[in-house]
């Protein structure tokens, strides 16, 4: 299932992606299971990533972008040259359990030097 975004959301994500470096490289072997798994892990961790695709065929890069988005339920944000920008919202983090209040440290005993000469 392809994630749908409004033009305003897509524009904001393009602006955020501008400063990012590519986190995944798709080499000559194409989109393998290992590369797809790495893209999935990066999307889970970051939400918005850049993928660099080696190869000169633009249609092949378009196909790779479409397969990534279909397989991983992500949204294509941008395709410029060999760089693909992909977005998937990060999953909600489970709430952290509340920590028990810590005990106060024991009070230091007061030293007296009254009995000494």
N, C-alpha and C. Protein backbone atom coordinates (compact mmCIF):
# COMPACT_ATOMS: atom_id res chain seq x y z
N UNK A 1 0.85 -1.18 0.00
CA UNK A 1 0.00 0.00 0.00
C UNK A 1 0.89 1.24 0.00
N UNK A 2 0.63 2.14 -0.91
CA UNK A 2 1.41 3.35 -1.06
C UNK A 2 0.86 4.44 -0.15
N UNK A 3 1.74 5.09 0.58
CA UNK A 3 1.35 6.16 1.49
C UNK A 3 1.08 7.42 0.68
N UNK A 4 -0.05 8.08 0.92
CA UNK A 4 -0.43 9.29 0.19
C UNK A 4 -0.15 10.52 1.05
N UNK A 5 0.47 11.52 0.43
CA UNK A 5 0.78 12.78 1.12
C UNK A 5 0.21 13.95 0.34
N UNK A 6 -0.11 15.00 1.05
CA UNK A 6 -0.59 16.21 0.39
C UNK A 6 0.62 16.97 -0.18
N UNK A 7 0.39 17.86 -1.12
CA UNK A 7 1.51 18.63 -1.68
C UNK A 7 2.25 19.47 -0.63
N UNK A 8 1.54 19.95 0.37
CA UNK A 8 2.18 20.75 1.42
C UNK A 8 3.11 19.86 2.25
N UNK A 9 2.64 18.66 2.59
CA UNK A 9 3.49 17.73 3.36
C UNK A 9 4.71 17.32 2.55
N UNK A 10 4.50 17.04 1.25
CA UNK A 10 5.61 16.64 0.39
C UNK A 10 6.66 17.76 0.28
N UNK A 11 6.21 19.00 0.18
CA UNK A 11 7.13 20.13 0.09
C UNK A 11 7.94 20.28 1.38
N UNK A 12 7.29 20.10 2.51
CA UNK A 12 8.00 20.19 3.80
C UNK A 12 9.02 19.07 3.94
N UNK A 13 8.68 17.88 3.48
CA UNK A 13 9.63 16.76 3.55
C UNK A 13 10.80 16.95 2.59
N UNK A 14 10.56 17.55 1.43
CA UNK A 14 11.66 17.85 0.51
C UNK A 14 12.63 18.82 1.15
N UNK A 15 12.10 19.80 1.86
CA UNK A 15 12.97 20.78 2.53
C UNK A 15 13.79 20.11 3.63
N UNK A 16 13.17 19.20 4.39
CA UNK A 16 13.91 18.48 5.44
C UNK A 16 14.97 17.57 4.85
N UNK A 17 14.69 16.97 3.70
CA UNK A 17 15.61 16.01 3.10
C UNK A 17 16.81 16.68 2.45
N UNK A 18 16.72 17.96 2.21
CA UNK A 18 17.79 18.66 1.51
C UNK A 18 19.14 18.49 2.21
N UNK A 19 19.17 18.54 3.52
CA UNK A 19 20.42 18.47 4.26
C UNK A 19 20.88 17.04 4.54
N UNK A 20 20.09 16.04 4.20
CA UNK A 20 20.44 14.65 4.50
C UNK A 20 21.47 14.11 3.52
N UNK A 21 22.24 13.15 3.99
CA UNK A 21 23.16 12.40 3.15
C UNK A 21 22.51 11.05 2.84
N UNK A 22 22.83 10.44 1.70
CA UNK A 22 22.27 9.11 1.41
C UNK A 22 22.70 8.09 2.45
N UNK A 23 21.73 7.32 2.96
CA UNK A 23 22.04 6.34 4.00
C UNK A 23 22.15 4.93 3.44
N UNK A 24 21.57 4.68 2.27
CA UNK A 24 21.60 3.35 1.66
C UNK A 24 22.07 3.48 0.22
N UNK A 25 22.87 2.53 -0.22
CA UNK A 25 23.39 2.51 -1.58
C UNK A 25 22.88 1.26 -2.27
N UNK A 26 22.20 1.43 -3.40
CA UNK A 26 21.75 0.31 -4.22
C UNK A 26 22.77 0.16 -5.33
N UNK A 27 23.53 -0.94 -5.29
CA UNK A 27 24.62 -1.14 -6.23
C UNK A 27 24.17 -1.81 -7.51
N UNK A 28 25.12 -2.45 -8.17
CA UNK A 28 24.87 -3.10 -9.45
C UNK A 28 23.94 -4.29 -9.35
N UNK A 29 23.83 -4.88 -8.17
CA UNK A 29 22.95 -6.03 -7.98
C UNK A 29 21.48 -5.65 -7.93
N UNK A 30 21.19 -4.38 -7.88
CA UNK A 30 19.80 -3.93 -7.83
C UNK A 30 19.23 -3.98 -6.43
N UNK A 31 17.94 -4.01 -6.36
CA UNK A 31 17.22 -4.00 -5.08
C UNK A 31 17.10 -5.44 -4.57
N UNK A 32 18.08 -5.89 -3.81
CA UNK A 32 18.07 -7.24 -3.26
C UNK A 32 17.31 -7.25 -1.94
N UNK A 33 17.13 -8.44 -1.40
CA UNK A 33 16.44 -8.59 -0.11
C UNK A 33 17.21 -7.89 1.00
N UNK A 34 18.55 -7.98 0.96
CA UNK A 34 19.37 -7.34 1.99
C UNK A 34 19.27 -5.82 1.92
N UNK A 35 19.29 -5.28 0.72
CA UNK A 35 19.18 -3.83 0.55
C UNK A 35 17.80 -3.35 1.00
N UNK A 36 16.77 -4.11 0.65
CA UNK A 36 15.41 -3.76 1.06
C UNK A 36 15.28 -3.78 2.59
N UNK A 37 15.92 -4.76 3.23
CA UNK A 37 15.90 -4.82 4.69
C UNK A 37 16.62 -3.64 5.32
N UNK A 38 17.72 -3.22 4.71
CA UNK A 38 18.46 -2.06 5.23
C UNK A 38 17.64 -0.77 5.07
N UNK A 39 16.95 -0.64 3.96
CA UNK A 39 16.08 0.52 3.76
C UNK A 39 14.97 0.52 4.80
N UNK A 40 14.40 -0.65 5.07
CA UNK A 40 13.33 -0.77 6.06
C UNK A 40 13.84 -0.36 7.44
N UNK A 41 15.03 -0.81 7.83
CA UNK A 41 15.59 -0.44 9.14
C UNK A 41 15.85 1.06 9.23
N UNK A 42 16.35 1.65 8.17
CA UNK A 42 16.61 3.10 8.18
C UNK A 42 15.32 3.90 8.21
N UNK A 43 14.29 3.44 7.51
CA UNK A 43 13.00 4.14 7.58
C UNK A 43 12.40 4.05 8.97
N UNK A 44 12.56 2.91 9.62
CA UNK A 44 12.04 2.75 10.98
C UNK A 44 12.78 3.68 11.93
N UNK A 45 14.08 3.81 11.75
CA UNK A 45 14.88 4.63 12.66
C UNK A 45 14.74 6.12 12.38
N UNK A 46 14.68 6.51 11.10
CA UNK A 46 14.74 7.93 10.76
C UNK A 46 13.46 8.49 10.17
N UNK A 47 12.70 7.68 9.47
CA UNK A 47 11.46 8.16 8.86
C UNK A 47 11.66 8.73 7.47
N UNK A 48 12.67 9.54 7.28
CA UNK A 48 12.95 10.19 5.99
C UNK A 48 14.39 9.88 5.62
N UNK A 49 14.60 9.23 4.47
CA UNK A 49 15.96 8.86 4.09
C UNK A 49 16.20 9.15 2.61
N UNK A 50 17.48 9.20 2.27
CA UNK A 50 17.90 9.28 0.89
C UNK A 50 18.56 7.97 0.51
N UNK A 51 18.28 7.52 -0.70
CA UNK A 51 18.86 6.28 -1.23
C UNK A 51 19.58 6.63 -2.53
N UNK A 52 20.85 6.22 -2.63
CA UNK A 52 21.61 6.45 -3.87
C UNK A 52 21.55 5.17 -4.69
N UNK A 53 21.17 5.30 -5.96
CA UNK A 53 21.06 4.16 -6.86
C UNK A 53 22.14 4.29 -7.93
N UNK A 54 23.01 3.27 -8.00
CA UNK A 54 24.04 3.25 -9.04
C UNK A 54 23.42 2.70 -10.31
N UNK A 55 23.70 3.29 -11.39
CA UNK A 55 23.14 2.86 -12.68
C UNK A 55 22.68 4.08 -13.44
N UNK A 56 22.74 3.99 -14.77
CA UNK A 56 22.43 5.15 -15.59
C UNK A 56 21.01 5.12 -16.17
N UNK A 57 20.28 4.04 -15.97
CA UNK A 57 18.95 3.90 -16.55
C UNK A 57 17.90 4.56 -15.64
N UNK A 58 17.32 5.65 -16.11
CA UNK A 58 16.34 6.38 -15.31
C UNK A 58 15.09 5.53 -15.06
N UNK A 59 14.66 4.77 -16.05
CA UNK A 59 13.46 3.94 -15.88
C UNK A 59 13.70 2.87 -14.81
N UNK A 60 14.91 2.33 -14.74
CA UNK A 60 15.22 1.34 -13.70
C UNK A 60 15.17 1.98 -12.32
N UNK A 61 15.66 3.21 -12.22
CA UNK A 61 15.61 3.92 -10.93
C UNK A 61 14.17 4.20 -10.53
N UNK A 62 13.33 4.59 -11.48
CA UNK A 62 11.90 4.80 -11.20
C UNK A 62 11.26 3.51 -10.72
N UNK A 63 11.62 2.39 -11.35
CA UNK A 63 11.07 1.09 -10.95
C UNK A 63 11.53 0.73 -9.54
N UNK A 64 12.79 1.00 -9.22
CA UNK A 64 13.30 0.72 -7.87
C UNK A 64 12.56 1.56 -6.84
N UNK A 65 12.34 2.84 -7.13
CA UNK A 65 11.61 3.71 -6.21
C UNK A 65 10.19 3.19 -5.99
N UNK A 66 9.53 2.77 -7.05
CA UNK A 66 8.17 2.26 -6.93
C UNK A 66 8.14 0.96 -6.13
N UNK A 67 9.11 0.07 -6.35
CA UNK A 67 9.17 -1.19 -5.60
C UNK A 67 9.44 -0.94 -4.12
N UNK A 68 10.33 0.01 -3.82
CA UNK A 68 10.62 0.33 -2.41
C UNK A 68 9.34 0.81 -1.73
N UNK A 69 8.64 1.72 -2.38
CA UNK A 69 7.44 2.29 -1.77
C UNK A 69 6.32 1.26 -1.63
N UNK A 70 6.17 0.38 -2.62
CA UNK A 70 5.13 -0.64 -2.54
C UNK A 70 5.44 -1.68 -1.46
N UNK A 71 6.69 -2.15 -1.43
CA UNK A 71 7.07 -3.20 -0.48
C UNK A 71 7.09 -2.73 0.96
N UNK A 72 7.48 -1.48 1.19
CA UNK A 72 7.70 -0.99 2.55
C UNK A 72 6.63 -0.02 3.03
N UNK A 73 5.56 0.15 2.28
CA UNK A 73 4.47 1.07 2.64
C UNK A 73 5.00 2.47 2.91
N UNK A 74 5.75 2.97 1.96
CA UNK A 74 6.37 4.29 2.10
C UNK A 74 5.85 5.21 1.00
N UNK A 75 6.24 6.47 1.07
CA UNK A 75 5.83 7.46 0.08
C UNK A 75 7.05 7.98 -0.67
N UNK A 76 6.99 8.03 -1.99
CA UNK A 76 8.09 8.64 -2.74
C UNK A 76 8.01 10.16 -2.60
N UNK A 77 9.10 10.76 -2.20
CA UNK A 77 9.12 12.21 -2.01
C UNK A 77 9.75 12.90 -3.21
N UNK A 78 10.91 12.37 -3.64
CA UNK A 78 11.64 13.05 -4.69
C UNK A 78 12.56 12.07 -5.39
N UNK A 79 12.80 12.31 -6.68
CA UNK A 79 13.76 11.53 -7.46
C UNK A 79 14.54 12.52 -8.31
N UNK A 80 15.76 12.79 -7.89
CA UNK A 80 16.62 13.70 -8.63
C UNK A 80 17.90 12.97 -8.97
N UNK A 81 18.13 12.76 -10.24
CA UNK A 81 19.33 12.05 -10.66
C UNK A 81 19.35 10.65 -10.10
N UNK A 82 20.42 10.34 -9.38
CA UNK A 82 20.57 9.00 -8.81
C UNK A 82 20.13 8.94 -7.35
N UNK A 83 19.53 10.01 -6.84
CA UNK A 83 19.11 10.08 -5.44
C UNK A 83 17.59 9.95 -5.36
N UNK A 84 17.15 9.03 -4.50
CA UNK A 84 15.73 8.84 -4.23
C UNK A 84 15.47 9.26 -2.79
N UNK A 85 14.40 9.98 -2.56
CA UNK A 85 14.02 10.37 -1.20
C UNK A 85 12.72 9.66 -0.88
N UNK A 86 12.74 8.92 0.25
CA UNK A 86 11.61 8.08 0.64
C UNK A 86 11.21 8.44 2.07
N UNK A 87 9.89 8.42 2.33
CA UNK A 87 9.38 8.76 3.66
C UNK A 87 8.40 7.71 4.13
N UNK A 88 8.51 7.37 5.40
CA UNK A 88 7.51 6.56 6.10
C UNK A 88 7.48 7.05 7.54
N UNK A 89 6.30 7.34 8.10
CA UNK A 89 6.26 7.84 9.47
C UNK A 89 6.90 6.84 10.43
N UNK A 90 7.62 7.37 11.40
CA UNK A 90 8.25 6.51 12.40
C UNK A 90 7.16 5.92 13.29
N UNK A 91 7.32 4.66 13.70
CA UNK A 91 6.32 4.06 14.59
C UNK A 91 6.36 4.73 15.96
N UNK A 92 5.20 4.70 16.61
CA UNK A 92 5.10 5.28 17.94
C UNK A 92 5.96 4.47 18.91
N UNK A 93 6.75 5.16 19.71
CA UNK A 93 7.58 4.49 20.71
C UNK A 93 6.69 4.08 21.89
N UNK A 94 6.92 2.88 22.43
CA UNK A 94 6.11 2.49 23.59
C UNK A 94 6.45 3.40 24.77
N UNK A 95 5.45 3.71 25.60
CA UNK A 95 5.72 4.60 26.73
C UNK A 95 6.69 3.94 27.71
N UNK A 96 7.57 4.75 28.24
CA UNK A 96 8.55 4.25 29.20
C UNK A 96 7.88 4.08 30.56
N UNK A 97 8.22 3.01 31.27
CA UNK A 97 7.63 2.85 32.61
C UNK A 97 8.18 3.92 33.55
N UNK A 98 7.33 4.34 34.45
CA UNK A 98 7.76 5.38 35.39
C UNK A 98 8.76 4.79 36.37
N UNK A 99 9.79 5.55 36.61
CA UNK A 99 10.82 5.10 37.55
C UNK A 99 10.34 5.31 38.98
N UNK A 100 10.72 4.41 39.83
CA UNK A 100 10.37 4.54 41.24
C UNK A 100 11.17 5.69 41.83
N UNK A 101 10.57 6.43 42.75
CA UNK A 101 11.34 7.52 43.37
C UNK A 101 12.51 6.93 44.16
N UNK A 102 13.64 7.56 44.01
CA UNK A 102 14.83 7.08 44.70
C UNK A 102 14.82 7.51 46.16
N UNK A 103 15.43 6.68 46.99
CA UNK A 103 15.54 7.02 48.40
C UNK A 103 16.53 8.14 48.57
N UNK A 104 16.28 8.94 49.56
CA UNK A 104 17.22 10.01 49.87
C UNK A 104 18.48 9.38 50.45
N UNK A 105 19.64 9.95 50.18
CA UNK A 105 20.86 9.39 50.76
C UNK A 105 20.86 9.57 52.27
N UNK A 106 21.50 8.66 53.01
CA UNK A 106 21.51 8.80 54.47
C UNK A 106 22.22 10.10 54.87
N UNK A 107 21.71 10.67 55.92
CA UNK A 107 22.25 11.94 56.38
C UNK A 107 23.62 11.72 57.02
N UNK A 108 24.57 12.57 56.72
CA UNK A 108 25.91 12.45 57.29
C UNK A 108 25.85 12.79 58.78
N UNK A 109 26.59 12.00 59.54
CA UNK A 109 26.64 12.26 60.98
C UNK A 109 27.49 13.48 61.26
N UNK A 110 27.05 14.25 62.25
CA UNK A 110 27.78 15.46 62.60
C UNK A 110 28.94 15.08 63.52
N UNK A 111 30.11 15.50 63.18
CA UNK A 111 31.28 15.20 64.00
C UNK A 111 31.43 16.28 65.04
N UNK A 112 31.71 15.84 66.24
CA UNK A 112 31.98 16.82 67.30
C UNK A 112 33.35 16.55 67.87
N UNK A 113 34.01 17.60 68.24
CA UNK A 113 35.34 17.49 68.79
C UNK A 113 35.36 18.08 70.23
N UNK A 114 34.27 17.90 70.96
CA UNK A 114 34.14 18.51 72.27
C UNK A 114 34.97 17.82 73.34
N UNK A 115 35.12 16.53 73.27
CA UNK A 115 35.82 15.81 74.31
C UNK A 115 37.34 15.84 74.16
N UNK A 116 37.85 16.44 73.16
CA UNK A 116 39.29 16.41 72.89
C UNK A 116 39.94 17.71 73.36
N UNK A 117 41.15 17.59 73.75
CA UNK A 117 41.85 18.75 74.24
C UNK A 117 42.73 19.40 73.22
